C-alpha atoms as a PDB file:
ATOM      1  CA  MET A   1      -0.165  -0.072   0.137  1.00  0.00           C
ATOM      2  CA  ALA A   2       1.289   3.454  -0.665  1.00  0.00           C
ATOM      3  CA  LYS A   3       2.494   5.752   1.672  1.00  0.00           C
ATOM      4  CA  LYS A   4      -0.078   8.409   3.138  1.00  0.00           C
ATOM      5  CA  THR A   5       0.835  11.526   1.501  1.00  0.00           C
ATOM      6  CA  THR A   6      -0.240  14.889   0.610  1.00  0.00           C
ATOM      7  CA  ARG A   7      -2.992  14.734  -2.326  1.00  0.00           C
ATOM      8  CA  SER A   8      -2.329  16.242  -5.461  1.00  0.00           C
ATOM      9  CA  ALA A   9      -3.985  14.244  -7.655  1.00  0.00           C
ATOM     10  CA  SER A  10      -3.649  15.392 -11.715  1.00  0.00           C
ATOM     11  CA  PRO A  11      -6.297  15.243 -14.084  1.00  0.00           C
ATOM     12  CA  GLN A  12      -3.821  13.915 -16.602  1.00  0.00           C
ATOM     13  CA  VAL A  13      -3.546  10.751 -14.175  1.00  0.00           C
ATOM     14  CA  THR A  14      -6.896   9.903 -12.569  1.00  0.00           C
ATOM     15  CA  SER A  15     -10.466  11.351 -13.281  1.00  0.00           C
ATOM     16  CA  GLY A  16     -13.448  10.693 -11.395  1.00  0.00           C
ATOM     17  CA  ALA A  17     -15.646  12.836 -14.103  1.00  0.00           C
ATOM     18  CA  ASP A  18     -18.384  10.921 -16.002  1.00  0.00           C
ATOM     19  CA  ALA A  19     -17.010   9.318 -19.410  1.00  0.00           C
ATOM     20  CA  PRO A  20     -18.777  11.446 -22.441  1.00  0.00           C
ATOM     21  CA  LEU A  21     -20.903   8.185 -23.152  1.00  0.00           C
ATOM     22  CA  THR A  22     -23.090   5.244 -21.856  1.00  0.00           C
ATOM     23  CA  VAL A  23     -24.568   2.161 -22.841  1.00  0.00           C
ATOM     24  CA  PRO A  24     -26.629   2.579 -26.182  1.00  0.00           C
ATOM     25  CA  GLY A  25     -30.359   2.882 -25.869  1.00  0.00           C
ATOM     26  CA  LEU A  26     -29.836   5.323 -23.402  1.00  0.00           C
ATOM     27  CA  SER A  27     -28.686   8.970 -23.368  1.00  0.00           C
ATOM     28  CA  ALA A  28     -25.562  10.192 -21.481  1.00  0.00           C
ATOM     29  CA  GLU A  29     -27.936  11.913 -18.662  1.00  0.00           C
ATOM     30  CA  THR A  30     -29.844   9.095 -18.239  1.00  0.00           C
ATOM     31  CA  GLY A  31     -27.203   6.296 -18.047  1.00  0.00           C
ATOM     32  CA  HIS A  32     -25.078   8.508 -15.939  1.00  0.00           C
ATOM     33  CA  ARG A  33     -28.144   9.328 -13.128  1.00  0.00           C
ATOM     34  CA  VAL A  34     -28.977   5.618 -13.146  1.00  0.00           C
ATOM     35  CA  ALA A  35     -25.046   4.729 -12.230  1.00  0.00           C
ATOM     36  CA  ASP A  36     -25.374   7.411  -9.500  1.00  0.00           C
ATOM     37  CA  ALA A  37     -28.467   5.778  -7.964  1.00  0.00           C
ATOM     38  CA  LEU A  38     -25.978   2.484  -7.518  1.00  0.00           C
ATOM     39  CA  GLN A  39     -23.015   4.299  -5.555  1.00  0.00           C
ATOM     40  CA  MET A  40     -24.867   4.360  -2.517  1.00  0.00           C
ATOM     41  CA  ARG A  41     -25.751   0.625  -3.029  1.00  0.00           C
ATOM     42  CA  VAL A  42     -22.241   0.214  -3.652  1.00  0.00           C
ATOM     43  CA  HIS A  43     -21.440   1.957  -0.230  1.00  0.00           C
ATOM     44  CA  ALA A  44     -24.562  -0.055   1.521  1.00  0.00           C
ATOM     45  CA  LEU A  45     -22.905  -3.457   0.317  1.00  0.00           C
ATOM     46  CA  ASN A  46     -19.543  -2.764   1.650  1.00  0.00           C
ATOM     47  CA  ASP A  47     -20.690  -1.685   4.843  1.00  0.00           C
ATOM     48  CA  LEU A  48     -22.914  -5.104   4.985  1.00  0.00           C
ATOM     49  CA  GLN A  49     -19.975  -7.616   4.053  1.00  0.00           C
ATOM     50  CA  LEU A  50     -17.533  -6.258   6.552  1.00  0.00           C
ATOM     51  CA  THR A  51     -20.082  -6.353   9.205  1.00  0.00           C
ATOM     52  CA  LEU A  52     -21.118  -9.957   8.528  1.00  0.00           C
ATOM     53  CA  LYS A  53     -17.542 -11.032   8.730  1.00  0.00           C
ATOM     54  CA  HIS A  54     -17.425  -8.831  11.937  1.00  0.00           C
ATOM     55  CA  ALA A  55     -19.887 -10.849  13.294  1.00  0.00           C
ATOM     56  CA  HIS A  56     -18.814 -14.105  11.772  1.00  0.00           C
ATOM     57  CA  TRP A  57     -15.681 -13.390  13.939  1.00  0.00           C
ATOM     58  CA  ASN A  58     -17.365 -12.152  17.310  1.00  0.00           C
ATOM     59  CA  VAL A  59     -20.054 -15.062  17.540  1.00  0.00           C
ATOM     60  CA  VAL A  60     -19.884 -17.361  20.813  1.00  0.00           C
ATOM     61  CA  GLY A  61     -22.197 -19.413  22.356  1.00  0.00           C
ATOM     62  CA  PRO A  62     -24.893 -22.009  21.446  1.00  0.00           C
ATOM     63  CA  HIS A  63     -25.130 -22.814  17.476  1.00  0.00           C
ATOM     64  CA  PHE A  64     -21.584 -20.821  17.249  1.00  0.00           C
ATOM     65  CA  ILE A  65     -20.502 -23.485  14.444  1.00  0.00           C
ATOM     66  CA  GLY A  66     -23.945 -22.950  12.703  1.00  0.00           C
ATOM     67  CA  VAL A  67     -24.213 -19.313  12.636  1.00  0.00           C
ATOM     68  CA  HIS A  68     -20.273 -18.727  11.725  1.00  0.00           C
ATOM     69  CA  GLU A  69     -20.736 -21.261   9.026  1.00  0.00           C
ATOM     70  CA  MET A  70     -24.066 -19.933   7.857  1.00  0.00           C
ATOM     71  CA  LEU A  71     -22.686 -16.205   7.383  1.00  0.00           C
ATOM     72  CA  ASP A  72     -19.687 -16.652   4.894  1.00  0.00           C
ATOM     73  CA  PRO A  73     -21.790 -17.698   2.078  1.00  0.00           C
ATOM     74  CA  GLN A  74     -23.431 -14.613   2.589  1.00  0.00           C
ATOM     75  CA  ILE A  75     -20.253 -12.488   2.513  1.00  0.00           C
ATOM     76  CA  ASP A  76     -19.419 -13.912  -0.730  1.00  0.00           C
ATOM     77  CA  GLY A  77     -22.538 -13.464  -2.035  1.00  0.00           C
ATOM     78  CA  VAL A  78     -22.572  -9.734  -1.311  1.00  0.00           C
ATOM     79  CA  ARG A  79     -19.122  -9.146  -1.972  1.00  0.00           C
ATOM     80  CA  ASP A  80     -20.274 -10.690  -5.793  1.00  0.00           C
ATOM     81  CA  MET A  81     -23.017  -7.741  -5.601  1.00  0.00           C
ATOM     82  CA  ILE A  82     -20.625  -5.210  -5.074  1.00  0.00           C
ATOM     83  CA  ASP A  83     -18.584  -6.259  -7.768  1.00  0.00           C
ATOM     84  CA  VAL A  84     -21.799  -6.317 -10.393  1.00  0.00           C
ATOM     85  CA  LEU A  85     -22.971  -3.087  -9.386  1.00  0.00           C
ATOM     86  CA  ALA A  86     -19.311  -1.303  -9.401  1.00  0.00           C
ATOM     87  CA  GLU A  87     -19.195  -2.867 -12.883  1.00  0.00           C
ATOM     88  CA  ARG A  88     -22.375  -1.983 -14.112  1.00  0.00           C
ATOM     89  CA  MET A  89     -21.568   1.625 -12.735  1.00  0.00           C
ATOM     90  CA  SER A  90     -18.563   1.537 -15.161  1.00  0.00           C
ATOM     91  CA  THR A  91     -20.275   0.200 -17.789  1.00  0.00           C
ATOM     92  CA  LEU A  92     -22.730   3.478 -17.692  1.00  0.00           C
ATOM     93  CA  GLY A  93     -19.778   5.748 -17.809  1.00  0.00           C
ATOM     94  CA  VAL A  94     -19.585   6.598 -14.102  1.00  0.00           C
ATOM     95  CA  ALA A  95     -16.362   6.024 -12.039  1.00  0.00           C
ATOM     96  CA  PRO A  96     -17.141   3.584  -9.039  1.00  0.00           C
ATOM     97  CA  ASN A  97     -15.960   4.754  -5.875  1.00  0.00           C
ATOM     98  CA  GLY A  98     -15.002   1.900  -3.365  1.00  0.00           C
ATOM     99  CA  LEU A  99     -12.757   3.421  -0.923  1.00  0.00           C
ATOM    100  CA  PRO A 100     -13.239   3.598   2.831  1.00  0.00           C
ATOM    101  CA  GLY A 101     -13.092   7.028   3.075  1.00  0.00           C
ATOM    102  CA  ALA A 102     -15.778   7.677   0.510  1.00  0.00           C
ATOM    103  CA  LEU A 103     -17.958   4.961   2.351  1.00  0.00           C
ATOM    104  CA  VAL A 104     -17.470   6.422   5.814  1.00  0.00           C
ATOM    105  CA  SER A 105     -18.005   9.729   4.347  1.00  0.00           C
ATOM    106  CA  ALA A 106     -21.300   9.120   2.683  1.00  0.00           C
ATOM    107  CA  ARG A 107     -23.271   6.683   4.809  1.00  0.00           C
ATOM    108  CA  THR A 108     -25.854   7.759   6.493  1.00  0.00           C
ATOM    109  CA  TRP A 109     -25.850   5.098   8.964  1.00  0.00           C
ATOM    110  CA  ASP A 110     -23.713   4.573  12.321  1.00  0.00           C
ATOM    111  CA  ASP A 111     -21.271   1.517  12.821  1.00  0.00           C
ATOM    112  CA  TYR A 112     -22.554  -1.854  14.139  1.00  0.00           C
ATOM    113  CA  ASP A 113     -22.940  -1.694  17.976  1.00  0.00           C
ATOM    114  CA  LEU A 114     -21.810  -5.517  18.875  1.00  0.00           C
ATOM    115  CA  MET A 115     -18.563  -6.855  19.171  1.00  0.00           C
ATOM    116  CA  ARG A 116     -18.269 -10.401  20.960  1.00  0.00           C
ATOM    117  CA  ALA A 117     -21.629 -11.825  21.811  1.00  0.00           C
ATOM    118  CA  ASP A 118     -24.112 -14.538  21.941  1.00  0.00           C
ATOM    119  CA  THR A 119     -25.167 -15.961  18.695  1.00  0.00           C
ATOM    120  CA  SER A 120     -28.652 -14.583  19.344  1.00  0.00           C
ATOM    121  CA  ALA A 121     -27.352 -11.267  20.047  1.00  0.00           C
ATOM    122  CA  HIS A 122     -25.594 -10.973  16.593  1.00  0.00           C
ATOM    123  CA  LEU A 123     -28.353 -12.372  14.700  1.00  0.00           C
ATOM    124  CA  ALA A 124     -31.080 -10.004  16.198  1.00  0.00           C
ATOM    125  CA  ALA A 125     -28.661  -7.071  15.581  1.00  0.00           C
ATOM    126  CA  LEU A 126     -27.946  -8.284  11.631  1.00  0.00           C
ATOM    127  CA  GLU A 127     -31.951  -8.993  11.005  1.00  0.00           C
ATOM    128  CA  LEU A 128     -32.134  -5.353  11.619  1.00  0.00           C
ATOM    129  CA  VAL A 129     -28.959  -4.282   9.917  1.00  0.00           C
ATOM    130  CA  TYR A 130     -30.816  -6.568   6.658  1.00  0.00           C
ATOM    131  CA  THR A 131     -33.839  -4.331   6.957  1.00  0.00           C
ATOM    132  CA  GLY A 132     -32.059  -1.234   6.396  1.00  0.00           C
ATOM    133  CA  VAL A 133     -30.181  -2.550   3.355  1.00  0.00           C
ATOM    134  CA  ILE A 134     -33.339  -3.901   1.765  1.00  0.00           C
ATOM    135  CA  GLU A 135     -35.415  -1.232   2.207  1.00  0.00           C
ATOM    136  CA  ASP A 136     -32.674   0.866   0.610  1.00  0.00           C
ATOM    137  CA  HIS A 137     -32.318  -1.762  -2.052  1.00  0.00           C
ATOM    138  CA  ARG A 138     -36.223  -1.717  -2.726  1.00  0.00           C
ATOM    139  CA  ALA A 139     -36.074   1.972  -3.031  1.00  0.00           C
ATOM    140  CA  ALA A 140     -33.435   2.071  -5.742  1.00  0.00           C
ATOM    141  CA  ILE A 141     -35.296  -0.470  -7.728  1.00  0.00           C
ATOM    142  CA  GLU A 142     -37.340   2.627  -8.687  1.00  0.00           C
ATOM    143  CA  ALA A 143     -34.481   4.833  -8.909  1.00  0.00           C
ATOM    144  CA  VAL A 144     -33.136   2.977 -11.632  1.00  0.00           C
ATOM    145  CA  GLY A 145     -36.429   2.411 -13.293  1.00  0.00           C
ATOM    146  CA  ASP A 146     -35.275   4.072 -16.355  1.00  0.00           C
ATOM    147  CA  ASP A 147     -32.639   1.183 -17.379  1.00  0.00           C
ATOM    148  CA  PRO A 148     -34.257  -2.169 -17.126  1.00  0.00           C
ATOM    149  CA  VAL A 149     -30.985  -3.963 -17.407  1.00  0.00           C
ATOM    150  CA  THR A 150     -30.079  -1.953 -14.074  1.00  0.00           C
ATOM    151  CA  GLU A 151     -33.283  -2.488 -12.573  1.00  0.00           C
ATOM    152  CA  ASP A 152     -33.263  -6.210 -13.311  1.00  0.00           C
ATOM    153  CA  ILE A 153     -29.861  -6.280 -11.542  1.00  0.00           C
ATOM    154  CA  VAL A 154     -31.269  -4.690  -8.469  1.00  0.00           C
ATOM    155  CA  ILE A 155     -34.043  -6.691  -8.376  1.00  0.00           C
ATOM    156  CA  GLY A 156     -32.192  -9.920  -8.382  1.00  0.00           C
ATOM    157  CA  GLN A 157     -30.002  -8.960  -5.611  1.00  0.00           C
ATOM    158  CA  THR A 158     -32.928  -7.521  -3.257  1.00  0.00           C
ATOM    159  CA  ALA A 159     -34.331 -10.902  -3.553  1.00  0.00           C
ATOM    160  CA  ASP A 160     -31.101 -12.648  -2.847  1.00  0.00           C
ATOM    161  CA  LEU A 161     -30.839 -10.280   0.488  1.00  0.00           C
ATOM    162  CA  GLU A 162     -34.302 -11.194   1.664  1.00  0.00           C
ATOM    163  CA  GLN A 163     -33.350 -14.691   1.232  1.00  0.00           C
ATOM    164  CA  TYR A 164     -30.406 -14.179   3.319  1.00  0.00           C
ATOM    165  CA  GLN A 165     -32.345 -11.994   6.128  1.00  0.00           C
ATOM    166  CA  TRP A 166     -34.920 -15.139   6.072  1.00  0.00           C
ATOM    167  CA  PHE A 167     -31.623 -17.337   6.982  1.00  0.00           C
ATOM    168  CA  VAL A 168     -31.098 -14.998  10.047  1.00  0.00           C
ATOM    169  CA  ARG A 169     -35.030 -14.503  10.981  1.00  0.00           C
ATOM    170  CA  ALA A 170     -35.397 -18.295  11.305  1.00  0.00           C
ATOM    171  CA  HIS A 171     -33.125 -18.290  14.366  1.00  0.00           C
ATOM    172  CA  LEU A 172     -35.418 -15.590  15.897  1.00  0.00           C
ATOM    173  CA  GLN A 173     -38.973 -16.955  15.176  1.00  0.00           C
ATOM    174  CA  GLY A 174     -41.039 -19.020  17.535  1.00  0.00           C
ATOM    175  CA  THR A 175     -43.385 -21.544  15.768  1.00  0.00           C
ATOM    176  CA  SER A 176     -46.063 -18.590  15.743  1.00  0.00           C
ATOM    177  CA  GLY A 177     -43.674 -17.107  13.182  1.00  0.00           C
ATOM    178  CA  ALA A 178     -43.510 -13.696  15.384  1.00  0.00           C
ATOM    179  CA  LEU A 179     -39.954 -12.706  15.915  1.00  0.00           C
ATOM    180  CA  VAL A 180     -38.612 -11.944  19.424  1.00  0.00           C
ATOM    181  CA  THR A 181     -37.336  -9.007  18.374  1.00  0.00           C
ATOM    182  CA  ASP A 182     -40.434  -7.486  17.444  1.00  0.00           C
ATOM    183  CA  GLY A 183     -40.559  -3.739  18.578  1.00  0.00           C
ATOM    184  CA  ALA A 184     -36.565  -3.471  18.944  1.00  0.00           C
ATOM    185  CA  SER A 185     -35.784  -0.035  17.851  1.00  0.00           C
ATOM    186  CA  GLY A 186     -32.150  -0.505  17.299  1.00  0.00           C
ATOM    187  CA  GLU A 187     -29.433  -3.308  17.141  1.00  0.00           C
ATOM    188  CA  VAL A 188     -28.477  -3.391  20.945  1.00  0.00           C
ATOM    189  CA  GLU A 189     -32.205  -3.328  22.015  1.00  0.00           C
ATOM    190  CA  ALA A 190     -33.023  -6.379  19.341  1.00  0.00           C
ATOM    191  CA  ALA A 191     -29.533  -8.070  20.964  1.00  0.00           C
ATOM    192  CA  GLU A 192     -31.176  -7.788  24.220  1.00  0.00           C
ATOM    193  CA  LYS A 193     -34.909  -8.889  23.362  1.00  0.00           C
ATOM    194  CA  ALA A 194     -33.000 -12.260  21.610  1.00  0.00           C
ATOM    195  CA  THR A 195     -30.764 -12.997  24.339  1.00  0.00           C
ATOM    196  CA  THR A 196     -33.489 -12.658  27.007  1.00  0.00           C
ATOM    197  CA  SER A 197     -35.771 -14.809  24.992  1.00  0.00           C
ATOM    198  CA  ARG A 198     -33.338 -17.576  24.686  1.00  0.00           C
ATOM    199  CA  ARG A 199     -32.434 -17.616  28.388  1.00  0.00           C
ATOM    200  CA  ALA A 200     -36.063 -17.883  29.119  1.00  0.00           C
ATOM    201  CA  ARG A 201     -36.628 -20.845  26.831  1.00  0.00           C
ATOM    202  CA  LYS A 202     -33.908 -22.558  28.600  1.00  0.00           C
ATOM    203  CA  ARG A 203     -35.221 -22.731  32.033  1.00  0.00           C
END
Protein backbone atom coordinates (compact mmCIF):
# COMPACT_ATOMS: atom_id res chain seq x y z
CA MET A 1 0.00 0.00 0.00
CA ALA A 2 1.28 3.47 -0.87
CA LYS A 3 2.60 5.62 1.95
CA LYS A 4 0.16 8.30 3.12
CA THR A 5 0.93 11.57 1.33
CA THR A 6 -0.71 14.91 0.66
CA ARG A 7 -3.16 14.50 -2.19
CA SER A 8 -2.31 16.31 -5.41
CA ALA A 9 -4.11 14.21 -8.04
CA SER A 10 -3.58 15.30 -11.62
CA PRO A 11 -6.49 15.10 -14.10
CA GLN A 12 -3.95 13.75 -16.59
CA VAL A 13 -3.44 10.75 -14.33
CA THR A 14 -6.84 10.05 -12.74
CA SER A 15 -10.38 11.34 -12.97
CA GLY A 16 -13.72 10.66 -11.32
CA ALA A 17 -15.60 12.62 -13.98
CA ASP A 18 -18.34 10.87 -15.92
CA ALA A 19 -17.31 9.39 -19.25
CA PRO A 20 -18.75 11.12 -22.34
CA LEU A 21 -20.81 7.99 -23.10
CA THR A 22 -23.12 5.35 -21.68
CA VAL A 23 -24.74 2.14 -22.95
CA PRO A 24 -26.57 2.13 -26.32
CA GLY A 25 -30.25 3.00 -26.03
CA LEU A 26 -29.85 5.41 -23.10
CA SER A 27 -28.89 9.05 -23.18
CA ALA A 28 -25.65 9.87 -21.37
CA GLU A 29 -27.67 11.90 -18.86
CA THR A 30 -29.98 8.97 -18.07
CA GLY A 31 -27.19 6.40 -17.94
CA HIS A 32 -25.11 8.51 -15.61
CA ARG A 33 -28.08 9.25 -13.37
CA VAL A 34 -28.85 5.53 -13.10
CA ALA A 35 -25.19 4.78 -12.32
CA ASP A 36 -25.08 7.50 -9.68
CA ALA A 37 -28.04 5.82 -7.94
CA LEU A 38 -25.94 2.67 -7.60
CA GLN A 39 -23.08 4.33 -5.70
CA MET A 40 -24.88 4.30 -2.35
CA ARG A 41 -25.79 0.66 -2.92
CA VAL A 42 -22.09 -0.09 -3.42
CA HIS A 43 -21.35 1.72 -0.14
CA ALA A 44 -24.15 -0.06 1.71
CA LEU A 45 -23.13 -3.50 0.47
CA ASN A 46 -19.45 -2.85 1.25
CA ASP A 47 -20.52 -1.92 4.77
CA LEU A 48 -22.77 -5.00 4.97
CA GLN A 49 -20.09 -7.48 3.96
CA LEU A 50 -17.67 -6.03 6.52
CA THR A 51 -20.37 -6.15 9.21
CA LEU A 52 -21.24 -9.75 8.39
CA LYS A 53 -17.56 -10.74 8.57
CA HIS A 54 -17.22 -8.91 11.88
CA ALA A 55 -20.17 -10.87 13.28
CA HIS A 56 -18.71 -14.11 11.83
CA TRP A 57 -15.54 -13.52 13.86
CA ASN A 58 -17.32 -12.47 17.06
CA VAL A 59 -20.21 -14.91 17.57
CA VAL A 60 -19.94 -17.15 20.65
CA GLY A 61 -22.16 -19.51 22.56
CA PRO A 62 -24.77 -22.09 21.55
CA HIS A 63 -25.11 -22.73 17.81
CA PHE A 64 -21.75 -21.02 17.22
CA ILE A 65 -20.62 -23.25 14.36
CA GLY A 66 -23.98 -23.12 12.57
CA VAL A 67 -24.11 -19.32 12.64
CA HIS A 68 -20.39 -18.91 11.97
CA GLU A 69 -20.62 -21.08 8.85
CA MET A 70 -23.98 -19.64 7.73
CA LEU A 71 -22.50 -16.16 7.44
CA ASP A 72 -19.59 -16.90 5.10
CA PRO A 73 -21.73 -17.72 2.02
CA GLN A 74 -23.71 -14.54 2.69
CA ILE A 75 -20.48 -12.54 2.83
CA ASP A 76 -19.35 -14.05 -0.48
CA GLY A 77 -22.74 -13.35 -2.04
CA VAL A 78 -22.73 -9.71 -0.94
CA ARG A 79 -19.18 -9.25 -2.26
CA ASP A 80 -20.34 -10.55 -5.63
CA MET A 81 -23.22 -8.05 -5.58
CA ILE A 82 -20.77 -5.19 -4.99
CA ASP A 83 -18.70 -6.25 -7.98
CA VAL A 84 -21.75 -6.47 -10.24
CA LEU A 85 -23.00 -3.00 -9.25
CA ALA A 86 -19.58 -1.36 -9.54
CA GLU A 87 -19.01 -2.89 -12.97
CA ARG A 88 -22.48 -1.78 -14.04
CA MET A 89 -21.60 1.77 -12.99
CA SER A 90 -18.45 1.63 -15.12
CA THR A 91 -20.44 0.23 -18.04
CA LEU A 92 -22.84 3.16 -17.74
CA GLY A 93 -19.95 5.65 -17.80
CA VAL A 94 -19.51 6.52 -14.12
CA ALA A 95 -16.43 5.66 -12.05
CA PRO A 96 -17.46 3.65 -8.96
CA ASN A 97 -15.90 4.63 -5.66
CA GLY A 98 -15.04 1.70 -3.41
CA LEU A 99 -12.67 3.55 -1.11
CA PRO A 100 -13.25 3.30 2.66
CA GLY A 101 -13.06 7.05 3.17
CA ALA A 102 -15.83 7.64 0.64
CA LEU A 103 -17.99 5.03 2.36
CA VAL A 104 -17.54 6.56 5.81
CA SER A 105 -18.15 10.07 4.48
CA ALA A 106 -21.29 9.16 2.52
CA ARG A 107 -23.05 6.71 4.79
CA THR A 108 -26.12 7.79 6.75
CA TRP A 109 -25.95 4.94 9.28
CA ASP A 110 -23.79 4.23 12.33
CA ASP A 111 -21.26 1.45 12.83
CA TYR A 112 -22.55 -1.91 13.99
CA ASP A 113 -22.99 -1.95 17.77
CA LEU A 114 -21.88 -5.44 18.85
CA MET A 115 -18.45 -6.94 19.48
CA ARG A 116 -18.13 -10.45 21.01
CA ALA A 117 -21.68 -11.59 21.72
CA ASP A 118 -24.00 -14.55 21.85
CA THR A 119 -25.16 -15.94 18.50
CA SER A 120 -28.73 -14.87 19.19
CA ALA A 121 -27.57 -11.32 19.92
CA HIS A 122 -25.64 -11.02 16.67
CA LEU A 123 -28.48 -12.54 14.66
CA ALA A 124 -30.95 -10.09 16.17
CA ALA A 125 -28.71 -7.15 15.33
CA LEU A 126 -28.02 -8.44 11.82
CA GLU A 127 -31.74 -8.83 11.19
CA LEU A 128 -32.11 -5.07 11.64
CA VAL A 129 -29.07 -4.41 9.48
CA TYR A 130 -30.61 -6.47 6.68
CA THR A 131 -33.92 -4.60 7.03
CA GLY A 132 -32.19 -1.27 6.40
CA VAL A 133 -30.21 -2.53 3.41
CA ILE A 134 -33.24 -4.22 1.84
CA GLU A 135 -35.48 -1.19 2.27
CA ASP A 136 -32.89 0.99 0.53
CA HIS A 137 -32.36 -1.60 -2.22
CA ARG A 138 -36.11 -1.62 -2.85
CA ALA A 139 -36.08 2.19 -3.10
CA ALA A 140 -33.21 1.90 -5.59
CA ILE A 141 -35.35 -0.30 -7.85
CA GLU A 142 -37.55 2.71 -8.53
CA ALA A 143 -34.57 5.06 -8.82
CA VAL A 144 -33.01 3.00 -11.65
CA GLY A 145 -36.31 2.25 -13.39
CA ASP A 146 -35.32 4.13 -16.57
CA ASP A 147 -32.86 1.32 -17.31
CA PRO A 148 -34.55 -2.12 -17.23
CA VAL A 149 -31.18 -3.90 -17.29
CA THR A 150 -29.96 -2.18 -14.12
CA GLU A 151 -33.41 -2.51 -12.58
CA ASP A 152 -33.29 -6.28 -13.16
CA ILE A 153 -29.89 -6.49 -11.45
CA VAL A 154 -31.12 -4.64 -8.36
CA ILE A 155 -34.33 -6.71 -8.22
CA GLY A 156 -32.30 -9.92 -8.29
CA GLN A 157 -30.00 -8.70 -5.56
CA THR A 158 -32.95 -7.68 -3.42
CA ALA A 159 -34.36 -11.20 -3.69
CA ASP A 160 -31.01 -12.65 -2.56
CA LEU A 161 -30.75 -10.21 0.36
CA GLU A 162 -34.28 -11.11 1.44
CA GLN A 163 -33.34 -14.78 1.42
CA TYR A 164 -30.25 -14.07 3.53
CA GLN A 165 -32.45 -12.21 6.00
CA TRP A 166 -34.85 -15.16 6.06
CA PHE A 167 -31.98 -17.44 7.12
CA VAL A 168 -31.20 -15.01 9.96
CA ARG A 169 -34.85 -14.56 10.94
CA ALA A 170 -35.44 -18.30 11.18
CA HIS A 171 -33.23 -18.30 14.29
CA LEU A 172 -35.34 -15.54 15.86
CA GLN A 173 -38.82 -16.96 15.30
CA GLY A 174 -41.03 -19.18 17.38
CA THR A 175 -43.61 -21.53 15.91
CA SER A 176 -46.07 -18.60 15.67
CA GLY A 177 -43.70 -16.97 13.19
CA ALA A 178 -43.30 -13.81 15.28
CA LEU A 179 -39.79 -12.46 15.75
CA VAL A 180 -38.56 -12.36 19.35
CA THR A 181 -37.11 -8.95 18.48
CA ASP A 182 -40.42 -7.35 17.45
CA GLY A 183 -40.57 -3.72 18.54
CA ALA A 184 -36.81 -3.27 18.96
CA SER A 185 -35.66 0.18 17.89
CA GLY A 186 -31.96 -0.55 17.54
CA GLU A 187 -29.34 -3.28 17.37
CA VAL A 188 -28.58 -3.37 21.09
CA GLU A 189 -32.24 -3.52 22.08
CA ALA A 190 -32.85 -6.28 19.52
CA ALA A 191 -29.86 -8.20 20.86
CA GLU A 192 -31.10 -7.86 24.45
CA LYS A 193 -34.57 -9.08 23.48
CA ALA A 194 -33.14 -12.09 21.67
CA THR A 195 -30.80 -13.13 24.49
CA THR A 196 -33.54 -12.65 27.11
CA SER A 197 -35.89 -14.81 25.07
CA ARG A 198 -33.27 -17.54 24.65
CA ARG A 199 -32.55 -17.63 28.38
CA ALA A 200 -36.27 -17.80 29.16
CA ARG A 201 -36.70 -20.79 26.84
CA LYS A 202 -33.85 -22.64 28.58
CA ARG A 203 -35.53 -22.46 32.01
